[in-house]
Amino acid sequence: MFGNKGMGNMAGMMKKVQKMQADMQKMQEELKQRTVEASVGGGAVTVVMNGEKVLESLKLNPSAVDPEDVEMLEDLIMAAVNEASKKVDDLLAQEMGKVTGGLNLPGLF
């Protein structure tokens, strides 16, 4: 149906896909070791998150701890965690783009 030429192209395509999968797996393993930092409220709350979106550290500036305004501190912590999570997503998309050569491959991330 494809002839020899078609099968050769298919084999070449499969090798490229397999290499891309291996590169993506390697990249994902490397990303687990990388971290991002997000700071909000002029440094009131700073979080460090790894590439698996696990929070590695949380720092609070003592001036941000006001027993009369716990809600503000809660909002700052949420904002910092959400910002760090977005930074991990951006990092993943950037690194994935390097592996896929800019191809948009639905379902990969």
PDB file of N, CA and C in Angstrom:
ATOM      1  N   MET A   1       0.817  -1.190   0.000  1.00  0.00           N
ATOM      2  CA  MET A   1       0.000   0.000   0.000  1.00  0.00           C
ATOM      3  C   MET A   1       0.858   1.249   0.000  1.00  0.00           C
ATOM      4  N   PHE A   2       1.850   1.327   0.902  1.00  0.00           N
ATOM      5  CA  PHE A   2       2.728   2.486   0.939  1.00  0.00           C
ATOM      6  C   PHE A   2       3.929   2.307   0.028  1.00  0.00           C
ATOM      7  N   GLY A   3       4.263   1.086  -0.286  1.00  0.00           N
ATOM      8  CA  GLY A   3       5.495   0.835  -1.022  1.00  0.00           C
ATOM      9  C   GLY A   3       6.674   0.946  -0.089  1.00  0.00           C
ATOM     10  N   ASN A   4       7.846   0.642  -0.578  1.00  0.00           N
ATOM     11  CA  ASN A   4       9.040   0.684   0.261  1.00  0.00           C
ATOM     12  C   ASN A   4       9.327   2.083   0.780  1.00  0.00           C
ATOM     13  N   LYS A   5       9.109   3.072  -0.073  1.00  0.00           N
ATOM     14  CA  LYS A   5       9.382   4.443   0.344  1.00  0.00           C
ATOM     15  C   LYS A   5       8.510   4.860   1.525  1.00  0.00           C
ATOM     16  N   GLY A   6       7.231   4.512   1.468  1.00  0.00           N
ATOM     17  CA  GLY A   6       6.303   4.842   2.555  1.00  0.00           C
ATOM     18  C   GLY A   6       6.691   4.168   3.846  1.00  0.00           C
ATOM     19  N   MET A   7       7.124   2.927   3.790  1.00  0.00           N
ATOM     20  CA  MET A   7       7.512   2.202   5.002  1.00  0.00           C
ATOM     21  C   MET A   7       8.793   2.793   5.585  1.00  0.00           C
ATOM     22  N   GLY A   8       9.708   3.207   4.726  1.00  0.00           N
ATOM     23  CA  GLY A   8      10.936   3.843   5.202  1.00  0.00           C
ATOM     24  C   GLY A   8      10.631   5.141   5.922  1.00  0.00           C
ATOM     25  N   ASN A   9       9.711   5.919   5.366  1.00  0.00           N
ATOM     26  CA  ASN A   9       9.309   7.167   6.011  1.00  0.00           C
ATOM     27  C   ASN A   9       8.647   6.894   7.356  1.00  0.00           C
ATOM     28  N   MET A  10       7.841   5.837   7.393  1.00  0.00           N
ATOM     29  CA  MET A  10       7.151   5.481   8.639  1.00  0.00           C
ATOM     30  C   MET A  10       8.168   5.052   9.698  1.00  0.00           C
ATOM     31  N   ALA A  11       9.154   4.264   9.313  1.00  0.00           N
ATOM     32  CA  ALA A  11      10.186   3.821  10.256  1.00  0.00           C
ATOM     33  C   ALA A  11      10.981   5.021  10.764  1.00  0.00           C
ATOM     34  N   GLY A  12      11.306   5.930   9.871  1.00  0.00           N
ATOM     35  CA  GLY A  12      12.033   7.144  10.268  1.00  0.00           C
ATOM     36  C   GLY A  12      11.216   7.986  11.228  1.00  0.00           C
ATOM     37  N   MET A  13       9.923   8.081  10.950  1.00  0.00           N
ATOM     38  CA  MET A  13       9.024   8.848  11.813  1.00  0.00           C
ATOM     39  C   MET A  13       8.949   8.195  13.190  1.00  0.00           C
ATOM     40  N   MET A  14       8.874   6.884  13.240  1.00  0.00           N
ATOM     41  CA  MET A  14       8.803   6.173  14.523  1.00  0.00           C
ATOM     42  C   MET A  14      10.075   6.399  15.338  1.00  0.00           C
ATOM     43  N   LYS A  15      11.218   6.397  14.672  1.00  0.00           N
ATOM     44  CA  LYS A  15      12.478   6.655  15.388  1.00  0.00           C
ATOM     45  C   LYS A  15      12.482   8.064  15.975  1.00  0.00           C
ATOM     46  N   LYS A  16      11.984   9.019  15.204  1.00  0.00           N
ATOM     47  CA  LYS A  16      11.920  10.397  15.697  1.00  0.00           C
ATOM     48  C   LYS A  16      10.989  10.505  16.903  1.00  0.00           C
ATOM     49  N   VAL A  17       9.864   9.818  16.831  1.00  0.00           N
ATOM     50  CA  VAL A  17       8.901   9.839  17.937  1.00  0.00           C
ATOM     51  C   VAL A  17       9.525   9.199  19.177  1.00  0.00           C
ATOM     52  N   GLN A  18      10.208   8.068  19.006  1.00  0.00           N
ATOM     53  CA  GLN A  18      10.843   7.395  20.135  1.00  0.00           C
ATOM     54  C   GLN A  18      11.921   8.273  20.758  1.00  0.00           C
ATOM     55  N   LYS A  19      12.702   8.966  19.928  1.00  0.00           N
ATOM     56  CA  LYS A  19      13.731   9.864  20.458  1.00  0.00           C
ATOM     57  C   LYS A  19      13.076  11.013  21.214  1.00  0.00           C
ATOM     58  N   MET A  20      12.003  11.548  20.659  1.00  0.00           N
ATOM     59  CA  MET A  20      11.300  12.649  21.313  1.00  0.00           C
ATOM     60  C   MET A  20      10.763  12.189  22.664  1.00  0.00           C
ATOM     61  N   GLN A  21      10.205  10.986  22.730  1.00  0.00           N
ATOM     62  CA  GLN A  21       9.688  10.465  23.998  1.00  0.00           C
ATOM     63  C   GLN A  21      10.810  10.314  25.017  1.00  0.00           C
ATOM     64  N   ALA A  22      11.943   9.797  24.574  1.00  0.00           N
ATOM     65  CA  ALA A  22      13.087   9.632  25.483  1.00  0.00           C
ATOM     66  C   ALA A  22      13.577  10.999  25.969  1.00  0.00           C
ATOM     67  N   ASP A  23      13.646  11.966  25.062  1.00  0.00           N
ATOM     68  CA  ASP A  23      14.076  13.318  25.435  1.00  0.00           C
ATOM     69  C   ASP A  23      13.099  13.951  26.424  1.00  0.00           C
ATOM     70  N   MET A  24      11.797  13.729  26.208  1.00  0.00           N
ATOM     71  CA  MET A  24      10.791  14.286  27.107  1.00  0.00           C
ATOM     72  C   MET A  24      10.904  13.661  28.497  1.00  0.00           C
ATOM     73  N   GLN A  25      11.129  12.362  28.547  1.00  0.00           N
ATOM     74  CA  GLN A  25      11.262  11.698  29.845  1.00  0.00           C
ATOM     75  C   GLN A  25      12.487  12.223  30.588  1.00  0.00           C
ATOM     76  N   LYS A  26      13.589  12.393  29.865  1.00  0.00           N
ATOM     77  CA  LYS A  26      14.809  12.926  30.474  1.00  0.00           C
ATOM     78  C   LYS A  26      14.563  14.353  30.988  1.00  0.00           C
ATOM     79  N   MET A  27      13.887  15.162  30.179  1.00  0.00           N
ATOM     80  CA  MET A  27      13.598  16.538  30.551  1.00  0.00           C
ATOM     81  C   MET A  27      12.708  16.581  31.790  1.00  0.00           C
ATOM     82  N   GLN A  28      11.718  15.708  31.866  1.00  0.00           N
ATOM     83  CA  GLN A  28      10.830  15.687  33.021  1.00  0.00           C
ATOM     84  C   GLN A  28      11.596  15.291  34.285  1.00  0.00           C
ATOM     85  N   GLU A  29      12.523  14.357  34.159  1.00  0.00           N
ATOM     86  CA  GLU A  29      13.344  13.968  35.313  1.00  0.00           C
ATOM     87  C   GLU A  29      14.222  15.141  35.771  1.00  0.00           C
ATOM     88  N   GLU A  30      14.787  15.866  34.794  1.00  0.00           N
ATOM     89  CA  GLU A  30      15.623  17.022  35.124  1.00  0.00           C
ATOM     90  C   GLU A  30      14.801  18.124  35.785  1.00  0.00           C
ATOM     91  N   LEU A  31      13.561  18.312  35.322  1.00  0.00           N
ATOM     92  CA  LEU A  31      12.709  19.359  35.888  1.00  0.00           C
ATOM     93  C   LEU A  31      12.373  19.084  37.350  1.00  0.00           C
ATOM     94  N   LYS A  32      12.332  17.816  37.742  1.00  0.00           N
ATOM     95  CA  LYS A  32      12.047  17.486  39.135  1.00  0.00           C
ATOM     96  C   LYS A  32      13.102  18.084  40.063  1.00  0.00           C
ATOM     97  N   GLN A  33      14.314  18.254  39.532  1.00  0.00           N
ATOM     98  CA  GLN A  33      15.424  18.776  40.336  1.00  0.00           C
ATOM     99  C   GLN A  33      15.461  20.303  40.350  1.00  0.00           C
ATOM    100  N   ARG A  34      14.770  20.938  39.419  1.00  0.00           N
ATOM    101  CA  ARG A  34      14.800  22.397  39.332  1.00  0.00           C
ATOM    102  C   ARG A  34      13.746  23.005  40.244  1.00  0.00           C
ATOM    103  N   THR A  35      13.975  24.242  40.627  1.00  0.00           N
ATOM    104  CA  THR A  35      13.025  24.945  41.487  1.00  0.00           C
ATOM    105  C   THR A  35      12.720  26.319  40.908  1.00  0.00           C
ATOM    106  N   VAL A  36      11.577  26.836  41.320  1.00  0.00           N
ATOM    107  CA  VAL A  36      11.201  28.212  41.003  1.00  0.00           C
ATOM    108  C   VAL A  36      10.889  28.899  42.324  1.00  0.00           C
ATOM    109  N   GLU A  37      11.031  30.198  42.321  1.00  0.00           N
ATOM    110  CA  GLU A  37      10.742  30.988  43.515  1.00  0.00           C
ATOM    111  C   GLU A  37       9.728  32.057  43.159  1.00  0.00           C
ATOM    112  N   ALA A  38       8.782  32.265  44.049  1.00  0.00           N
ATOM    113  CA  ALA A  38       7.807  33.338  43.863  1.00  0.00           C
ATOM    114  C   ALA A  38       7.705  34.109  45.169  1.00  0.00           C
ATOM    115  N   SER A  39       7.703  35.426  45.036  1.00  0.00           N
ATOM    116  CA  SER A  39       7.611  36.300  46.192  1.00  0.00           C
ATOM    117  C   SER A  39       6.490  37.304  45.940  1.00  0.00           C
ATOM    118  N   VAL A  40       5.673  37.523  46.944  1.00  0.00           N
ATOM    119  CA  VAL A  40       4.557  38.466  46.818  1.00  0.00           C
ATOM    120  C   VAL A  40       4.556  39.408  48.007  1.00  0.00           C
ATOM    121  N   GLY A  41       3.798  40.480  47.851  1.00  0.00           N
ATOM    122  CA  GLY A  41       3.655  41.437  48.945  1.00  0.00           C
ATOM    123  C   GLY A  41       4.956  42.116  49.316  1.00  0.00           C
ATOM    124  N   GLY A  42       5.782  42.405  48.308  1.00  0.00           N
ATOM    125  CA  GLY A  42       7.053  43.068  48.576  1.00  0.00           C
ATOM    126  C   GLY A  42       7.980  42.222  49.434  1.00  0.00           C
ATOM    127  N   GLY A  43       7.902  40.910  49.258  1.00  0.00           N
ATOM    128  CA  GLY A  43       8.756  40.006  50.023  1.00  0.00           C
ATOM    129  C   GLY A  43       8.120  39.510  51.309  1.00  0.00           C
ATOM    130  N   ALA A  44       6.835  39.805  51.484  1.00  0.00           N
ATOM    131  CA  ALA A  44       6.143  39.359  52.701  1.00  0.00           C
ATOM    132  C   ALA A  44       6.081  37.839  52.761  1.00  0.00           C
ATOM    133  N   VAL A  45       5.840  37.210  51.588  1.00  0.00           N
ATOM    134  CA  VAL A  45       5.765  35.753  51.505  1.00  0.00           C
ATOM    135  C   VAL A  45       6.584  35.307  50.306  1.00  0.00           C
ATOM    136  N   THR A  46       7.461  34.345  50.529  1.00  0.00           N
ATOM    137  CA  THR A  46       8.281  33.786  49.463  1.00  0.00           C
ATOM    138  C   THR A  46       8.184  32.267  49.536  1.00  0.00           C
ATOM    139  N   VAL A  47       7.911  31.653  48.383  1.00  0.00           N
ATOM    140  CA  VAL A  47       7.854  30.193  48.327  1.00  0.00           C
ATOM    141  C   VAL A  47       8.817  29.684  47.271  1.00  0.00           C
ATOM    142  N   VAL A  48       9.310  28.479  47.494  1.00  0.00           N
ATOM    143  CA  VAL A  48      10.133  27.776  46.529  1.00  0.00           C
ATOM    144  C   VAL A  48       9.419  26.468  46.234  1.00  0.00           C
ATOM    145  N   MET A  49       9.231  26.187  44.938  1.00  0.00           N
ATOM    146  CA  MET A  49       8.505  25.002  44.497  1.00  0.00           C
ATOM    147  C   MET A  49       9.365  24.260  43.493  1.00  0.00           C
ATOM    148  N   ASN A  50       9.354  22.923  43.563  1.00  0.00           N
ATOM    149  CA  ASN A  50      10.135  22.163  42.586  1.00  0.00           C
ATOM    150  C   ASN A  50       9.306  21.867  41.341  1.00  0.00           C
ATOM    151  N   GLY A  51       9.936  21.231  40.375  1.00  0.00           N
ATOM    152  CA  GLY A  51       9.294  20.952  39.092  1.00  0.00           C
ATOM    153  C   GLY A  51       8.146  19.978  39.166  1.00  0.00           C
ATOM    154  N   GLU A  52       7.952  19.343  40.310  1.00  0.00           N
ATOM    155  CA  GLU A  52       6.802  18.461  40.515  1.00  0.00           C
ATOM    156  C   GLU A  52       5.681  19.179  41.253  1.00  0.00           C
ATOM    157  N   LYS A  53       5.837  20.483  41.404  1.00  0.00           N
ATOM    158  CA  LYS A  53       4.883  21.346  42.103  1.00  0.00           C
ATOM    159  C   LYS A  53       4.754  20.981  43.575  1.00  0.00           C
ATOM    160  N   VAL A  54       5.862  20.552  44.156  1.00  0.00           N
ATOM    161  CA  VAL A  54       5.906  20.298  45.595  1.00  0.00           C
ATOM    162  C   VAL A  54       6.565  21.508  46.240  1.00  0.00           C
ATOM    163  N   LEU A  55       5.906  22.061  47.224  1.00  0.00           N
ATOM    164  CA  LEU A  55       6.430  23.218  47.935  1.00  0.00           C
ATOM    165  C   LEU A  55       7.641  22.792  48.757  1.00  0.00           C
ATOM    166  N   GLU A  56       8.789  23.423  48.491  1.00  0.00           N
ATOM    167  CA  GLU A  56      10.009  23.064  49.205  1.00  0.00           C
ATOM    168  C   GLU A  56      10.298  23.996  50.374  1.00  0.00           C
ATOM    169  N   SER A  57       9.887  25.255  50.248  1.00  0.00           N
ATOM    170  CA  SER A  57      10.067  26.157  51.386  1.00  0.00           C
ATOM    171  C   SER A  57       9.056  27.288  51.323  1.00  0.00           C
ATOM    172  N   LEU A  58       8.794  27.813  52.492  1.00  0.00           N
ATOM    173  CA  LEU A  58       7.876  28.928  52.664  1.00  0.00           C
ATOM    174  C   LEU A  58       8.507  29.863  53.685  1.00  0.00           C
ATOM    175  N   LYS A  59       8.713  31.104  53.287  1.00  0.00           N
ATOM    176  CA  LYS A  59       9.310  32.104  54.185  1.00  0.00           C
ATOM    177  C   LYS A  59       8.294  33.225  54.383  1.00  0.00           C
ATOM    178  N   LEU A  60       8.121  33.606  55.639  1.00  0.00           N
ATOM    179  CA  LEU A  60       7.244  34.719  55.978  1.00  0.00           C
ATOM    180  C   LEU A  60       8.074  35.828  56.585  1.00  0.00           C
ATOM    181  N   ASN A  61       7.918  37.031  56.070  1.00  0.00           N
ATOM    182  CA  ASN A  61       8.525  38.194  56.686  1.00  0.00           C
ATOM    183  C   ASN A  61       7.734  38.464  57.968  1.00  0.00           C
ATOM    184  N   PRO A  62       8.406  38.606  59.091  1.00  0.00           N
ATOM    185  CA  PRO A  62       7.682  38.823  60.350  1.00  0.00           C
ATOM    186  C   PRO A  62       6.675  39.967  60.283  1.00  0.00           C
ATOM    187  N   SER A  63       6.945  40.958  59.458  1.00  0.00           N
ATOM    188  CA  SER A  63       6.010  42.077  59.366  1.00  0.00           C
ATOM    189  C   SER A  63       4.685  41.671  58.722  1.00  0.00           C
ATOM    190  N   ALA A  64       4.670  40.525  58.007  1.00  0.00           N
ATOM    191  CA  ALA A  64       3.446  40.057  57.364  1.00  0.00           C
ATOM    192  C   ALA A  64       2.544  39.308  58.342  1.00  0.00           C
ATOM    193  N   VAL A  65       3.060  38.992  59.520  1.00  0.00           N
ATOM    194  CA  VAL A  65       2.297  38.227  60.503  1.00  0.00           C
ATOM    195  C   VAL A  65       1.603  39.198  61.448  1.00  0.00           C
ATOM    196  N   ASP A  66       0.333  39.417  61.160  1.00  0.00           N
ATOM    197  CA  ASP A  66      -0.480  40.319  61.971  1.00  0.00           C
ATOM    198  C   ASP A  66      -1.661  39.513  62.508  1.00  0.00           C
ATOM    199  N   PRO A  67      -1.676  39.225  63.808  1.00  0.00           N
ATOM    200  CA  PRO A  67      -2.777  38.427  64.371  1.00  0.00           C
ATOM    201  C   PRO A  67      -4.150  39.053  64.131  1.00  0.00           C
ATOM    202  N   GLU A  68      -4.182  40.349  63.864  1.00  0.00           N
ATOM    203  CA  GLU A  68      -5.450  41.027  63.616  1.00  0.00           C
ATOM    204  C   GLU A  68      -5.902  40.892  62.165  1.00  0.00           C
ATOM    205  N   ASP A  69      -5.015  40.406  61.292  1.00  0.00           N
ATOM    206  CA  ASP A  69      -5.353  40.306  59.868  1.00  0.00           C
ATOM    207  C   ASP A  69      -4.803  39.005  59.277  1.00  0.00           C
ATOM    208  N   VAL A  70      -5.285  37.898  59.797  1.00  0.00           N
ATOM    209  CA  VAL A  70      -4.851  36.585  59.328  1.00  0.00           C
ATOM    210  C   VAL A  70      -5.253  36.378  57.864  1.00  0.00           C
ATOM    211  N   GLU A  71      -6.400  36.910  57.459  1.00  0.00           N
ATOM    212  CA  GLU A  71      -6.867  36.737  56.083  1.00  0.00           C
ATOM    213  C   GLU A  71      -5.874  37.293  55.068  1.00  0.00           C
ATOM    214  N   MET A  72      -5.258  38.408  55.379  1.00  0.00           N
ATOM    215  CA  MET A  72      -4.279  38.998  54.461  1.00  0.00           C
ATOM    216  C   MET A  72      -3.102  38.043  54.273  1.00  0.00           C
ATOM    217  N   LEU A  73      -2.620  37.465  55.343  1.00  0.00           N
ATOM    218  CA  LEU A  73      -1.515  36.522  55.260  1.00  0.00           C
ATOM    219  C   LEU A  73      -1.921  35.292  54.463  1.00  0.00           C
ATOM    220  N   GLU A  74      -3.123  34.790  54.694  1.00  0.00           N
ATOM    221  CA  GLU A  74      -3.624  33.643  53.929  1.00  0.00           C
ATOM    222  C   GLU A  74      -3.664  33.969  52.435  1.00  0.00           C
ATOM    223  N   ASP A  75      -4.154  35.165  52.103  1.00  0.00           N
ATOM    224  CA  ASP A  75      -4.217  35.588  50.692  1.00  0.00           C
ATOM    225  C   ASP A  75      -2.820  35.680  50.082  1.00  0.00           C
ATOM    226  N   LEU A  76      -1.870  36.208  50.837  1.00  0.00           N
ATOM    227  CA  LEU A  76      -0.498  36.322  50.340  1.00  0.00           C
ATOM    228  C   LEU A  76       0.115  34.937  50.097  1.00  0.00           C
ATOM    229  N   ILE A  77      -0.115  34.016  51.016  1.00  0.00           N
ATOM    230  CA  ILE A  77       0.418  32.659  50.847  1.00  0.00           C
ATOM    231  C   ILE A  77      -0.194  32.008  49.612  1.00  0.00           C
ATOM    232  N   MET A  78      -1.511  32.143  49.460  1.00  0.00           N
ATOM    233  CA  MET A  78      -2.171  31.576  48.283  1.00  0.00           C
ATOM    234  C   MET A  78      -1.614  32.182  46.998  1.00  0.00           C
ATOM    235  N   ALA A  79      -1.443  33.478  46.975  1.00  0.00           N
ATOM    236  CA  ALA A  79      -0.919  34.150  45.783  1.00  0.00           C
ATOM    237  C   ALA A  79       0.491  33.673  45.457  1.00  0.00           C
ATOM    238  N   ALA A  80       1.320  33.503  46.480  1.00  0.00           N
ATOM    239  CA  ALA A  80       2.696  33.056  46.244  1.00  0.00           C
ATOM    240  C   ALA A  80       2.730  31.626  45.710  1.00  0.00           C
ATOM    241  N   VAL A  81       1.915  30.750  46.284  1.00  0.00           N
ATOM    242  CA  VAL A  81       1.865  29.357  45.822  1.00  0.00           C
ATOM    243  C   VAL A  81       1.342  29.295  44.394  1.00  0.00           C
ATOM    244  N   ASN A  82       0.291  30.054  44.097  1.00  0.00           N
ATOM    245  CA  ASN A  82      -0.262  30.059  42.739  1.00  0.00           C
ATOM    246  C   ASN A  82       0.740  30.607  41.728  1.00  0.00           C
ATOM    247  N   GLU A  83       1.474  31.638  42.110  1.00  0.00           N
ATOM    248  CA  GLU A  83       2.492  32.213  41.213  1.00  0.00           C
ATOM    249  C   GLU A  83       3.610  31.207  40.961  1.00  0.00           C
ATOM    250  N   ALA A  84       4.039  30.514  41.989  1.00  0.00           N
ATOM    251  CA  ALA A  84       5.084  29.494  41.817  1.00  0.00           C
ATOM    252  C   ALA A  84       4.589  28.372  40.909  1.00  0.00           C
ATOM    253  N   SER A  85       3.357  27.964  41.079  1.00  0.00           N
ATOM    254  CA  SER A  85       2.776  26.914  40.241  1.00  0.00           C
ATOM    255  C   SER A  85       2.747  27.345  38.776  1.00  0.00           C
ATOM    256  N   LYS A  86       2.379  28.592  38.531  1.00  0.00           N
ATOM    257  CA  LYS A  86       2.373  29.122  37.159  1.00  0.00           C
ATOM    258  C   LYS A  86       3.782  29.136  36.589  1.00  0.00           C
ATOM    259  N   LYS A  87       4.768  29.488  37.415  1.00  0.00           N
ATOM    260  CA  LYS A  87       6.155  29.500  36.948  1.00  0.00           C
ATOM    261  C   LYS A  87       6.619  28.095  36.572  1.00  0.00           C
ATOM    262  N   VAL A  88       6.189  27.083  37.325  1.00  0.00           N
ATOM    263  CA  VAL A  88       6.531  25.694  36.977  1.00  0.00           C
ATOM    264  C   VAL A  88       5.890  25.335  35.640  1.00  0.00           C
ATOM    265  N   ASP A  89       4.619  25.709  35.449  1.00  0.00           N
ATOM    266  CA  ASP A  89       3.942  25.443  34.176  1.00  0.00           C
ATOM    267  C   ASP A  89       4.672  26.112  33.015  1.00  0.00           C
ATOM    268  N   ASP A  90       5.076  27.361  33.208  1.00  0.00           N
ATOM    269  CA  ASP A  90       5.794  28.092  32.163  1.00  0.00           C
ATOM    270  C   ASP A  90       7.134  27.430  31.854  1.00  0.00           C
ATOM    271  N   LEU A  91       7.832  26.997  32.897  1.00  0.00           N
ATOM    272  CA  LEU A  91       9.111  26.318  32.719  1.00  0.00           C
ATOM    273  C   LEU A  91       8.922  25.022  31.955  1.00  0.00           C
ATOM    274  N   LEU A  92       7.891  24.261  32.309  1.00  0.00           N
ATOM    275  CA  LEU A  92       7.601  23.008  31.620  1.00  0.00           C
ATOM    276  C   LEU A  92       7.290  23.260  30.151  1.00  0.00           C
ATOM    277  N   ALA A  93       6.466  24.257  29.869  1.00  0.00           N
ATOM    278  CA  ALA A  93       6.112  24.570  28.482  1.00  0.00           C
ATOM    279  C   ALA A  93       7.343  24.991  27.681  1.00  0.00           C
ATOM    280  N   GLN A  94       8.197  25.779  28.305  1.00  0.00           N
ATOM    281  CA  GLN A  94       9.423  26.230  27.634  1.00  0.00           C
ATOM    282  C   GLN A  94      10.336  25.048  27.320  1.00  0.00           C
ATOM    283  N   GLU A  95      10.550  24.182  28.294  1.00  0.00           N
ATOM    284  CA  GLU A  95      11.426  23.029  28.090  1.00  0.00           C
ATOM    285  C   GLU A  95      10.809  22.032  27.114  1.00  0.00           C
ATOM    286  N   MET A  96       9.485  21.857  27.185  1.00  0.00           N
ATOM    287  CA  MET A  96       8.793  20.952  26.273  1.00  0.00           C
ATOM    288  C   MET A  96       8.923  21.461  24.838  1.00  0.00           C
ATOM    289  N   GLY A  97       8.860  22.775  24.670  1.00  0.00           N
ATOM    290  CA  GLY A  97       9.018  23.361  23.340  1.00  0.00           C
ATOM    291  C   GLY A  97      10.372  23.054  22.737  1.00  0.00           C
ATOM    292  N   LYS A  98      11.395  22.989  23.575  1.00  0.00           N
ATOM    293  CA  LYS A  98      12.735  22.642  23.087  1.00  0.00           C
ATOM    294  C   LYS A  98      12.766  21.206  22.581  1.00  0.00           C
ATOM    295  N   VAL A  99      12.081  20.310  23.287  1.00  0.00           N
ATOM    296  CA  VAL A  99      12.089  18.891  22.929  1.00  0.00           C
ATOM    297  C   VAL A  99      11.256  18.636  21.676  1.00  0.00           C
ATOM    298  N   THR A 100      10.091  19.285  21.601  1.00  0.00           N
ATOM    299  CA  THR A 100       9.177  19.015  20.484  1.00  0.00           C
ATOM    300  C   THR A 100       9.441  19.901  19.280  1.00  0.00           C
ATOM    301  N   GLY A 101      10.393  20.794  19.398  1.00  0.00           N
ATOM    302  CA  GLY A 101      10.692  21.686  18.286  1.00  0.00           C
ATOM    303  C   GLY A 101       9.556  22.658  18.013  1.00  0.00           C
ATOM    304  N   GLY A 102       8.798  22.978  19.053  1.00  0.00           N
ATOM    305  CA  GLY A 102       7.705  23.935  18.898  1.00  0.00           C
ATOM    306  C   GLY A 102       6.414  23.309  18.429  1.00  0.00           C
ATOM    307  N   LEU A 103       6.389  21.988  18.216  1.00  0.00           N
ATOM    308  CA  LEU A 103       5.152  21.329  17.819  1.00  0.00           C
ATOM    309  C   LEU A 103       4.166  21.367  18.975  1.00  0.00           C
ATOM    310  N   ASN A 104       2.929  21.634  18.663  1.00  0.00           N
ATOM    311  CA  ASN A 104       1.895  21.597  19.703  1.00  0.00           C
ATOM    312  C   ASN A 104       1.322  20.190  19.703  1.00  0.00           C
ATOM    313  N   LEU A 105       1.709  19.393  20.705  1.00  0.00           N
ATOM    314  CA  LEU A 105       1.256  18.017  20.782  1.00  0.00           C
ATOM    315  C   LEU A 105       0.248  17.886  21.916  1.00  0.00           C
ATOM    316  N   PRO A 106      -1.042  17.897  21.586  1.00  0.00           N
ATOM    317  CA  PRO A 106      -2.074  17.837  22.621  1.00  0.00           C
ATOM    318  C   PRO A 106      -1.921  16.616  23.516  1.00  0.00           C
ATOM    319  N   GLY A 107      -2.205  16.811  24.776  1.00  0.00           N
ATOM    320  CA  GLY A 107      -2.183  15.699  25.711  1.00  0.00           C
ATOM    321  C   GLY A 107      -0.840  15.406  26.350  1.00  0.00           C
ATOM    322  N   LEU A 108       0.223  16.080  25.894  1.00  0.00           N
ATOM    323  CA  LEU A 108       1.536  15.806  26.462  1.00  0.00           C
ATOM    324  C   LEU A 108       1.783  16.615  27.711  1.00  0.00           C
ATOM    325  N   PHE A 109       1.176  17.778  27.802  1.00  0.00           N
ATOM    326  CA  PHE A 109       1.307  18.596  29.012  1.00  0.00           C
ATOM    327  C   PHE A 109       0.183  19.573  29.092  1.00  0.00           C
TER     328      PHE A 109
END
